[in-house]
Amino acid sequence: MFHCTILFRLKPGIPLDRVRGARQSLQALVETLPGVEHFSVTHNLAADSKGFNLALFSTFENQSACEIFLRHPEYQRVWHEDLLPVVAEHVTAQGQGD
């Protein structure tokens, strides 16, 4: 298993419906892309979130499946059309798991 977590800091003043739309677009990808074992998009509830208020938690069959996912045209479309307009900053963590 390969894990990938992306934390997003949203731009100030973004309407909630726009955030929901970006979240739904990300979640819809799990149904269309291969190699994804777990995929969850949620508000970051951590007390020390450092302002990163949206989180994408995902698990893939292997690292290659993750790389394919992140390069996939549908993910890239969602990234450019839905996320970039609302995201001020993001940070990614990845690792091999059991």
C-alpha atoms as a PDB file:
ATOM      1  CA  MET A   1       0.000   0.000   0.000  1.00  0.00           C
ATOM      2  CA  PHE A   2       1.097   3.544  -0.730  1.00  0.00           C
ATOM      3  CA  HIS A   3      -0.351   6.536   1.118  1.00  0.00           C
ATOM      4  CA  CYS A   4      -0.673  10.086  -0.147  1.00  0.00           C
ATOM      5  CA  THR A   5      -2.071  12.971   1.887  1.00  0.00           C
ATOM      6  CA  ILE A   6      -2.478  16.471   0.518  1.00  0.00           C
ATOM      7  CA  LEU A   7      -3.370  19.366   2.805  1.00  0.00           C
ATOM      8  CA  PHE A   8      -4.844  22.502   1.287  1.00  0.00           C
ATOM      9  CA  ARG A   9      -4.937  26.033   2.687  1.00  0.00           C
ATOM     10  CA  LEU A  10      -7.907  27.719   1.076  1.00  0.00           C
ATOM     11  CA  LYS A  11      -7.849  31.310  -0.101  1.00  0.00           C
ATOM     12  CA  PRO A  12      -9.671  33.712   2.241  1.00  0.00           C
ATOM     13  CA  GLY A  13     -13.231  34.618   1.335  1.00  0.00           C
ATOM     14  CA  ILE A  14     -13.953  31.604  -0.866  1.00  0.00           C
ATOM     15  CA  PRO A  15     -17.697  30.821  -0.689  1.00  0.00           C
ATOM     16  CA  LEU A  16     -18.579  27.516   0.967  1.00  0.00           C
ATOM     17  CA  ASP A  17     -20.406  26.238  -2.126  1.00  0.00           C
ATOM     18  CA  ARG A  18     -17.208  26.704  -4.166  1.00  0.00           C
ATOM     19  CA  VAL A  19     -15.258  24.669  -1.589  1.00  0.00           C
ATOM     20  CA  ARG A  20     -17.951  21.973  -1.648  1.00  0.00           C
ATOM     21  CA  GLY A  21     -17.737  21.858  -5.440  1.00  0.00           C
ATOM     22  CA  ALA A  22     -13.969  21.351  -5.368  1.00  0.00           C
ATOM     23  CA  ARG A  23     -14.375  18.674  -2.711  1.00  0.00           C
ATOM     24  CA  GLN A  24     -17.030  16.841  -4.741  1.00  0.00           C
ATOM     25  CA  SER A  25     -14.910  17.010  -7.888  1.00  0.00           C
ATOM     26  CA  LEU A  26     -11.992  15.406  -6.039  1.00  0.00           C
ATOM     27  CA  GLN A  27     -14.202  12.724  -4.511  1.00  0.00           C
ATOM     28  CA  ALA A  28     -15.696  11.848  -7.911  1.00  0.00           C
ATOM     29  CA  LEU A  29     -12.242  10.902  -9.203  1.00  0.00           C
ATOM     30  CA  VAL A  30     -12.103   7.766  -7.064  1.00  0.00           C
ATOM     31  CA  GLU A  31     -14.849   6.219  -9.170  1.00  0.00           C
ATOM     32  CA  THR A  32     -13.068   6.833 -12.452  1.00  0.00           C
ATOM     33  CA  LEU A  33      -9.373   6.168 -11.805  1.00  0.00           C
ATOM     34  CA  PRO A  34      -7.712   2.776 -11.302  1.00  0.00           C
ATOM     35  CA  GLY A  35      -5.354   1.785  -8.487  1.00  0.00           C
ATOM     36  CA  VAL A  36      -7.136   3.771  -5.769  1.00  0.00           C
ATOM     37  CA  GLU A  37      -7.904   1.728  -2.662  1.00  0.00           C
ATOM     38  CA  HIS A  38      -9.130   4.518  -0.371  1.00  0.00           C
ATOM     39  CA  PHE A  39      -9.942   8.139  -1.051  1.00  0.00           C
ATOM     40  CA  SER A  40     -11.409  10.680   1.349  1.00  0.00           C
ATOM     41  CA  VAL A  41     -11.724  14.448   1.171  1.00  0.00           C
ATOM     42  CA  THR A  42     -12.567  16.179   4.436  1.00  0.00           C
ATOM     43  CA  HIS A  43     -12.211  19.383   6.369  1.00  0.00           C
ATOM     44  CA  ASN A  44      -9.039  19.294   8.457  1.00  0.00           C
ATOM     45  CA  LEU A  45     -10.123  19.192  12.090  1.00  0.00           C
ATOM     46  CA  ALA A  46      -6.620  19.110  13.607  1.00  0.00           C
ATOM     47  CA  ALA A  47      -6.102  21.677  16.360  1.00  0.00           C
ATOM     48  CA  ASP A  48      -2.698  22.692  14.950  1.00  0.00           C
ATOM     49  CA  SER A  49      -3.684  22.695  11.267  1.00  0.00           C
ATOM     50  CA  LYS A  50      -1.512  25.763  10.507  1.00  0.00           C
ATOM     51  CA  GLY A  51      -4.402  27.018   8.380  1.00  0.00           C
ATOM     52  CA  PHE A  52      -4.545  23.941   6.130  1.00  0.00           C
ATOM     53  CA  ASN A  53      -8.290  23.504   6.259  1.00  0.00           C
ATOM     54  CA  LEU A  54      -8.985  20.808   3.641  1.00  0.00           C
ATOM     55  CA  ALA A  55      -7.394  17.353   3.503  1.00  0.00           C
ATOM     56  CA  LEU A  56      -7.225  14.636   0.863  1.00  0.00           C
ATOM     57  CA  PHE A  57      -6.370  11.210   2.312  1.00  0.00           C
ATOM     58  CA  SER A  58      -5.697   8.461  -0.207  1.00  0.00           C
ATOM     59  CA  THR A  59      -4.294   4.958  -0.383  1.00  0.00           C
ATOM     60  CA  PHE A  60      -3.116   3.317  -3.586  1.00  0.00           C
ATOM     61  CA  GLU A  61      -2.110  -0.199  -4.606  1.00  0.00           C
ATOM     62  CA  ASN A  62       1.477   1.017  -4.932  1.00  0.00           C
ATOM     63  CA  GLN A  63       3.564   4.125  -5.581  1.00  0.00           C
ATOM     64  CA  SER A  64       3.217   3.741  -9.333  1.00  0.00           C
ATOM     65  CA  ALA A  65      -0.601   3.859  -9.058  1.00  0.00           C
ATOM     66  CA  CYS A  66      -0.302   7.100  -7.057  1.00  0.00           C
ATOM     67  CA  GLU A  67       1.988   8.652  -9.661  1.00  0.00           C
ATOM     68  CA  ILE A  68      -0.374   7.624 -12.462  1.00  0.00           C
ATOM     69  CA  PHE A  69      -3.297   9.130 -10.537  1.00  0.00           C
ATOM     70  CA  LEU A  70      -1.533  12.465  -9.972  1.00  0.00           C
ATOM     71  CA  ARG A  71      -0.580  12.722 -13.668  1.00  0.00           C
ATOM     72  CA  HIS A  72      -3.949  11.527 -14.961  1.00  0.00           C
ATOM     73  CA  PRO A  73      -5.743  14.067 -17.204  1.00  0.00           C
ATOM     74  CA  GLU A  74      -8.907  13.946 -15.063  1.00  0.00           C
ATOM     75  CA  TYR A  75      -6.988  14.728 -11.862  1.00  0.00           C
ATOM     76  CA  GLN A  76      -5.117  17.491 -13.698  1.00  0.00           C
ATOM     77  CA  ARG A  77      -8.428  18.914 -14.952  1.00  0.00           C
ATOM     78  CA  VAL A  78      -9.883  18.959 -11.416  1.00  0.00           C
ATOM     79  CA  TRP A  79      -6.632  20.446 -10.104  1.00  0.00           C
ATOM     80  CA  HIS A  80      -6.648  23.325 -12.609  1.00  0.00           C
ATOM     81  CA  GLU A  81     -10.394  23.989 -12.853  1.00  0.00           C
ATOM     82  CA  ASP A  82     -11.611  23.355  -9.310  1.00  0.00           C
ATOM     83  CA  LEU A  83      -8.677  23.475  -6.882  1.00  0.00           C
ATOM     84  CA  LEU A  84      -6.265  26.164  -8.081  1.00  0.00           C
ATOM     85  CA  PRO A  85      -8.938  28.868  -7.992  1.00  0.00           C
ATOM     86  CA  VAL A  86      -9.660  28.171  -4.293  1.00  0.00           C
ATOM     87  CA  VAL A  87      -6.298  26.962  -2.927  1.00  0.00           C
ATOM     88  CA  ALA A  88      -3.667  29.375  -1.634  1.00  0.00           C
ATOM     89  CA  GLU A  89      -1.127  26.690  -0.717  1.00  0.00           C
ATOM     90  CA  HIS A  90      -0.821  22.921  -0.462  1.00  0.00           C
ATOM     91  CA  VAL A  91       1.577  20.398   1.046  1.00  0.00           C
ATOM     92  CA  THR A  92       1.910  16.704   0.194  1.00  0.00           C
ATOM     93  CA  ALA A  93       3.030  13.761   2.324  1.00  0.00           C
ATOM     94  CA  GLN A  94       3.601  10.296   0.861  1.00  0.00           C
ATOM     95  CA  GLY A  95       4.814   7.000   2.218  1.00  0.00           C
ATOM     96  CA  GLN A  96       4.850   3.244   1.941  1.00  0.00           C
ATOM     97  CA  GLY A  97       2.592   1.403   4.375  1.00  0.00           C
ATOM     98  CA  ASP A  98       1.598  -2.089   5.373  1.00  0.00           C
END
